[in-house]
């Protein structure tokens, strides 16, 4: 019995690792913030919980499917060779079944709650798995932009469910996340440049050089800061919260500019970490 319990615990840990909990949690936070930008304070908790569950299932399921498709790439990179699929602790069939089950359950629940909400959730999963992972990731460095559309869908989905339709503020929030994603990903690809080269994955640093990539990161950071601050103002964020969001946005822009003016590995990784904190903080402020 003890051995069986240990086996199940190990299997659950491996399944959990396949969902990339930190990445999934951050995207889920944007979705909840999108909803609360339209429905704050939350009065219908069953809607809020249903929203969170459907987004979590769809996002985590899509992530598992990405891991299933990219298992050969993970196996040759130092950073990822220990992952459950690459290391052989989970079989491809098990990962595929898990990813499909989670994704389809999430989309089905979202569609049952609202057709337009379900359509946005489906679009996010489609862009993430089919457009980004299957079609573009191994072909072009620009996959980061198209794949960013998938990352922008949760906040749009949350806002859409909150008001019952796609609106300008929802699209602006989606644009903010879309602009933020190159900052998040390109700083990461610069840090692990050799890993991506070993796997043969085209990246901006490999295709255009580090200097051009830093300029792209600075431009995307500026666009993300401007759009998310504008969205906060349009939502009607209180003055104190809006000023705090402005300070955080200035910090993002200055740090991104610093990587251009005085490039270093330390500053680049600092921007990578700050970008995640910035997005989580911005979404928290939008929720308040």
Protein backbone atom coordinates (compact mmCIF):
# COMPACT_ATOMS: atom_id res chain seq x y z
CA UNK A 1 0.00 0.00 0.00
CA UNK A 2 2.78 2.42 0.95
CA UNK A 3 4.62 1.70 -2.30
CA UNK A 4 1.45 2.28 -4.30
CA UNK A 5 0.81 5.57 -2.55
CA UNK A 6 4.39 6.65 -3.23
CA UNK A 7 3.94 5.75 -6.91
CA UNK A 8 0.76 7.83 -7.17
CA UNK A 9 2.37 10.77 -5.37
CA UNK A 10 5.33 10.68 -7.75
CA UNK A 11 3.00 10.48 -10.75
CA UNK A 12 0.97 13.46 -9.55
CA UNK A 13 4.16 15.49 -9.00
CA UNK A 14 5.23 14.73 -12.56
CA UNK A 15 1.82 15.66 -13.94
CA UNK A 16 1.91 18.88 -11.94
CA UNK A 17 5.34 19.68 -13.37
CA UNK A 18 3.93 19.28 -16.88
CA UNK A 19 1.49 22.15 -16.26
CA UNK A 20 4.29 24.65 -15.48
CA UNK A 21 2.42 25.91 -12.43
CA UNK A 22 4.13 29.32 -12.18
CA UNK A 23 3.49 30.18 -15.83
CA UNK A 24 -0.07 28.86 -15.64
CA UNK A 25 -0.67 30.77 -12.42
CA UNK A 26 0.49 34.05 -13.94
CA UNK A 27 -1.75 33.64 -16.99
CA UNK A 28 -4.64 32.66 -14.74
CA UNK A 29 -4.06 35.83 -12.70
CA UNK A 30 -4.42 37.93 -15.86
CA UNK A 31 -7.72 36.21 -16.63
CA UNK A 32 -9.12 36.84 -13.17
CA UNK A 33 -7.93 40.44 -13.32
CA UNK A 34 -9.67 40.89 -16.67
CA UNK A 35 -12.92 39.71 -15.11
CA UNK A 36 -12.52 41.91 -12.03
CA UNK A 37 -11.80 44.93 -14.20
CA UNK A 38 -15.46 44.67 -15.17
CA UNK A 39 -16.95 43.06 -12.05
CA UNK A 40 -15.37 44.49 -8.93
CA UNK A 41 -16.36 43.77 -6.23
CA UNK A 42 -17.17 40.19 -7.17
CA UNK A 43 -20.76 39.40 -6.18
CA UNK A 44 -21.38 36.15 -8.08
CA UNK A 45 -18.73 33.83 -6.69
CA UNK A 46 -19.93 30.83 -8.69
CA UNK A 47 -19.20 32.77 -11.89
CA UNK A 48 -15.78 33.77 -10.57
CA UNK A 49 -14.92 30.20 -9.56
CA UNK A 50 -16.20 28.81 -12.85
CA UNK A 51 -14.12 31.34 -14.73
CA UNK A 52 -11.02 30.42 -12.76
CA UNK A 53 -11.56 26.69 -13.17
CA UNK A 54 -12.22 26.82 -16.91
CA UNK A 55 -9.19 29.04 -17.53
CA UNK A 56 -6.96 26.90 -15.34
CA UNK A 57 -7.99 23.71 -17.13
CA UNK A 58 -7.55 25.21 -20.61
CA UNK A 59 -4.23 26.93 -19.84
CA UNK A 60 -2.67 23.99 -18.02
CA UNK A 61 -3.95 21.54 -20.63
CA UNK A 62 -2.46 23.59 -23.47
CA UNK A 63 0.83 23.73 -21.57
CA UNK A 64 0.89 19.95 -21.21
CA UNK A 65 0.21 19.57 -24.94
CA UNK A 66 3.10 21.94 -25.67
CA UNK A 67 5.35 19.86 -23.44
CA UNK A 68 4.19 16.71 -25.24
CA UNK A 69 4.95 18.16 -28.66
CA UNK A 70 8.32 19.65 -27.62
CA UNK A 71 9.59 16.62 -25.71
CA UNK A 72 12.35 16.02 -28.27
CA UNK A 73 13.59 19.60 -27.87
CA UNK A 74 13.49 19.38 -24.07
CA UNK A 75 15.62 16.25 -24.18
CA UNK A 76 18.61 18.05 -25.73
CA UNK A 77 18.59 21.21 -23.62
CA UNK A 78 20.42 21.33 -20.28
CA UNK A 79 17.68 23.49 -18.80
CA UNK A 80 14.87 21.06 -19.62
CA UNK A 81 16.29 17.54 -20.00
CA UNK A 82 15.09 16.63 -16.49
CA UNK A 83 11.44 17.35 -17.25
CA UNK A 84 9.07 14.36 -16.79
CA UNK A 85 8.59 13.65 -20.50
CA UNK A 86 12.19 14.23 -21.53
CA UNK A 87 13.43 12.08 -18.63
CA UNK A 88 10.97 9.28 -19.41
CA UNK A 89 9.03 9.46 -16.13
CA UNK A 90 5.82 10.16 -18.05
CA UNK A 91 5.08 8.48 -21.38
CA UNK A 92 4.03 10.53 -24.42
CA UNK A 93 0.64 8.78 -24.45
CA UNK A 94 -0.01 9.70 -20.82
CA UNK A 95 0.93 13.35 -21.42
CA UNK A 96 -1.20 13.55 -24.55
CA UNK A 97 -4.23 12.11 -22.77
CA UNK A 98 -3.78 14.47 -19.83
CA UNK A 99 -3.30 17.53 -22.03
CA UNK A 100 -6.31 16.78 -24.21
CA UNK A 101 -8.54 16.02 -21.21
CA UNK A 102 -7.66 19.23 -19.38
CA UNK A 103 -7.90 21.43 -22.49
CA UNK A 104 -11.22 20.02 -23.70
CA UNK A 105 -12.73 20.18 -20.22
CA UNK A 106 -11.67 23.81 -19.88
CA UNK A 107 -13.08 24.81 -23.27
CA UNK A 108 -16.31 22.87 -22.68
CA UNK A 109 -16.86 24.51 -19.29
CA UNK A 110 -16.14 27.95 -20.72
CA UNK A 111 -18.55 27.38 -23.62
CA UNK A 112 -21.23 26.19 -21.20
CA UNK A 113 -20.84 29.39 -19.20
CA UNK A 114 -20.88 31.71 -22.23
CA UNK A 115 -20.48 31.12 -25.96
CA UNK A 116 -18.31 34.18 -26.53
CA UNK A 117 -16.20 33.34 -23.47
CA UNK A 118 -15.79 29.80 -24.76
CA UNK A 119 -14.75 31.11 -28.18
CA UNK A 120 -11.99 33.26 -26.69
CA UNK A 121 -10.74 30.38 -24.52
CA UNK A 122 -10.72 28.08 -27.56
CA UNK A 123 -8.80 30.70 -29.56
CA UNK A 124 -6.18 30.90 -26.82
CA UNK A 125 -5.66 27.14 -26.77
CA UNK A 126 -5.56 26.98 -30.58
CA UNK A 127 -2.95 29.71 -30.89
CA UNK A 128 -0.85 28.22 -28.09
CA UNK A 129 -0.75 24.63 -29.30
CA UNK A 130 -1.35 24.70 -33.06
CA UNK A 131 -0.09 28.10 -34.22
CA UNK A 132 2.80 28.56 -31.80
CA UNK A 133 4.11 25.10 -30.90
CA UNK A 134 3.22 23.01 -33.94
CA UNK A 135 3.45 25.55 -36.76
CA UNK A 136 5.88 28.36 -35.89
CA UNK A 137 8.18 27.63 -32.94
CA UNK A 138 10.61 25.50 -34.96
CA UNK A 139 10.40 27.70 -38.07
CA UNK A 140 10.76 31.37 -37.15
CA UNK A 141 12.03 33.64 -34.42
CA UNK A 142 8.80 35.62 -34.83
CA UNK A 143 6.86 32.78 -33.22
CA UNK A 144 7.24 34.71 -29.95
CA UNK A 145 4.87 37.38 -31.32
CA UNK A 146 2.24 35.01 -32.65
CA UNK A 147 2.54 32.81 -29.60
CA UNK A 148 2.03 35.93 -27.53
CA UNK A 149 -1.53 36.08 -28.82
CA UNK A 150 -2.23 32.94 -26.81
CA UNK A 151 -0.77 34.58 -23.70
CA UNK A 152 -3.01 37.59 -24.25
CA UNK A 153 -6.20 35.54 -24.45
CA UNK A 154 -6.80 34.85 -20.72
CA UNK A 155 -7.12 38.54 -19.80
CA UNK A 156 -9.38 39.10 -22.83
CA UNK A 157 -11.42 36.04 -21.88
CA UNK A 158 -11.89 37.26 -18.30
CA UNK A 159 -12.93 40.74 -19.41
CA UNK A 160 -15.24 39.26 -22.05
CA UNK A 161 -16.99 37.05 -19.54
CA UNK A 162 -17.32 39.95 -17.14
CA UNK A 163 -19.22 42.19 -19.58
CA UNK A 164 -20.61 39.58 -21.95
CA UNK A 165 -18.79 40.83 -25.06
CA UNK A 166 -15.40 41.77 -26.44
CA UNK A 167 -14.78 45.49 -25.85
CA UNK A 168 -12.05 48.04 -26.43
CA UNK A 169 -10.66 47.85 -22.90
CA UNK A 170 -10.43 44.08 -23.16
CA UNK A 171 -8.50 44.39 -26.42
CA UNK A 172 -6.24 47.02 -24.84
CA UNK A 173 -5.50 44.70 -21.93
CA UNK A 174 -4.77 41.89 -24.38
CA UNK A 175 -2.43 44.20 -26.30
CA UNK A 176 -0.62 45.04 -23.05
CA UNK A 177 0.03 41.37 -22.33
CA UNK A 178 0.97 40.73 -25.95
CA UNK A 179 3.52 43.57 -25.77
CA UNK A 180 4.85 42.30 -22.43
CA UNK A 181 5.50 38.76 -23.65
CA UNK A 182 8.55 39.60 -25.84
CA UNK A 183 10.15 41.23 -22.79
CA UNK A 184 9.52 38.09 -20.79
CA UNK A 185 10.59 35.59 -23.44
CA UNK A 186 13.43 37.42 -25.22
CA UNK A 187 15.29 38.14 -22.00
CA UNK A 188 14.97 34.42 -21.25
CA UNK A 189 16.24 33.36 -24.69
CA UNK A 190 19.24 35.64 -24.28
CA UNK A 191 20.09 34.06 -20.93
CA UNK A 192 19.76 30.51 -22.31
CA UNK A 193 20.98 31.27 -25.81
CA UNK A 194 23.19 28.17 -26.07
CA UNK A 195 20.38 25.84 -24.99
CA UNK A 196 18.10 27.13 -27.73
CA UNK A 197 20.90 26.84 -30.29
CA UNK A 198 21.54 23.23 -29.26
CA UNK A 199 17.87 22.43 -29.82
CA UNK A 200 17.78 24.26 -33.14
CA UNK A 201 15.02 26.64 -32.03
CA UNK A 202 15.15 29.95 -33.94
CA UNK A 203 15.27 32.93 -31.57
CA UNK A 204 15.69 36.67 -31.89
CA UNK A 205 19.24 36.66 -30.44
CA UNK A 206 20.31 33.98 -32.93
CA UNK A 207 18.57 35.57 -35.91
CA UNK A 208 19.12 39.29 -35.31
CA UNK A 209 21.82 39.51 -32.65
CA UNK A 210 21.75 40.54 -29.01
CA UNK A 211 21.85 44.30 -29.65
CA UNK A 212 18.76 44.24 -31.86
CA UNK A 213 17.00 41.92 -29.41
CA UNK A 214 17.62 44.37 -26.57
CA UNK A 215 16.11 47.17 -28.65
CA UNK A 216 13.07 44.98 -29.35
CA UNK A 217 12.75 44.25 -25.61
CA UNK A 218 12.93 47.97 -24.79
CA UNK A 219 10.27 48.78 -27.40
CA UNK A 220 7.95 46.03 -26.22
CA UNK A 221 8.41 47.08 -22.59
CA UNK A 222 7.49 50.66 -23.44
CA UNK A 223 4.39 49.56 -25.35
CA UNK A 224 3.35 47.23 -22.51
CA UNK A 225 3.77 50.00 -19.92
CA UNK A 226 1.79 52.53 -21.97
CA UNK A 227 -1.09 50.21 -22.83
CA UNK A 228 -1.57 48.72 -19.38
CA UNK A 229 -1.47 52.17 -17.77
CA UNK A 230 -3.96 53.46 -20.34
CA UNK A 231 -6.22 50.49 -19.63
CA UNK A 232 -6.07 51.27 -15.91
CA UNK A 233 -7.07 54.89 -16.55
CA UNK A 234 -9.96 53.85 -18.82
CA UNK A 235 -11.22 51.33 -16.29
CA UNK A 236 -11.39 54.12 -13.73
CA UNK A 237 -8.62 52.96 -11.42
CA UNK A 238 -8.36 55.12 -8.30
CA UNK A 239 -5.64 57.79 -8.30
CA UNK A 240 -3.34 56.14 -5.79
CA UNK A 241 -3.45 52.78 -7.53
CA UNK A 242 -2.98 54.41 -10.92
CA UNK A 243 0.07 56.32 -9.69
CA UNK A 244 1.54 53.13 -8.27
CA UNK A 245 0.95 51.41 -11.59
CA UNK A 246 2.71 54.33 -13.27
CA UNK A 247 5.72 53.98 -10.99
CA UNK A 248 5.93 50.25 -11.71
CA UNK A 249 5.65 50.95 -15.44
CA UNK A 250 8.42 53.52 -15.32
CA UNK A 251 10.57 50.95 -13.54
CA UNK A 252 9.99 48.45 -16.34
CA UNK A 253 10.87 50.98 -19.03
CA UNK A 254 14.00 52.21 -17.23
CA UNK A 255 15.24 48.70 -16.61
CA UNK A 256 14.64 47.74 -20.25
CA UNK A 257 16.40 50.90 -21.36
CA UNK A 258 19.29 50.07 -19.06
CA UNK A 259 19.83 46.74 -20.82
CA UNK A 260 20.30 48.69 -24.07
CA UNK A 261 22.59 51.36 -22.66
CA UNK A 262 24.65 49.09 -20.39
CA UNK A 263 24.04 45.50 -21.44
CA UNK A 264 24.98 42.78 -18.98
CA UNK A 265 23.81 39.30 -18.10
CA UNK A 266 22.96 40.47 -14.57
CA UNK A 267 20.76 43.34 -15.80
CA UNK A 268 19.12 41.16 -18.44
CA UNK A 269 18.12 38.53 -15.88
CA UNK A 270 16.99 41.26 -13.52
CA UNK A 271 14.63 42.53 -16.22
CA UNK A 272 13.34 39.00 -16.79
CA UNK A 273 12.46 38.62 -13.12
CA UNK A 274 11.07 42.14 -12.78
CA UNK A 275 8.84 41.67 -15.83
CA UNK A 276 6.99 38.81 -14.11
CA UNK A 277 6.64 40.78 -10.89
CA UNK A 278 5.45 43.78 -12.89
CA UNK A 279 2.72 41.86 -14.70
CA UNK A 280 1.47 40.19 -11.52
CA UNK A 281 1.47 43.54 -9.67
CA UNK A 282 -0.27 45.33 -12.53
CA UNK A 283 -3.00 42.70 -12.68
CA UNK A 284 -3.45 42.88 -8.93
CA UNK A 285 -3.89 46.66 -9.13
CA UNK A 286 -6.38 46.29 -11.99
CA UNK A 287 -8.32 43.83 -9.85
CA UNK A 288 -8.50 46.28 -6.94
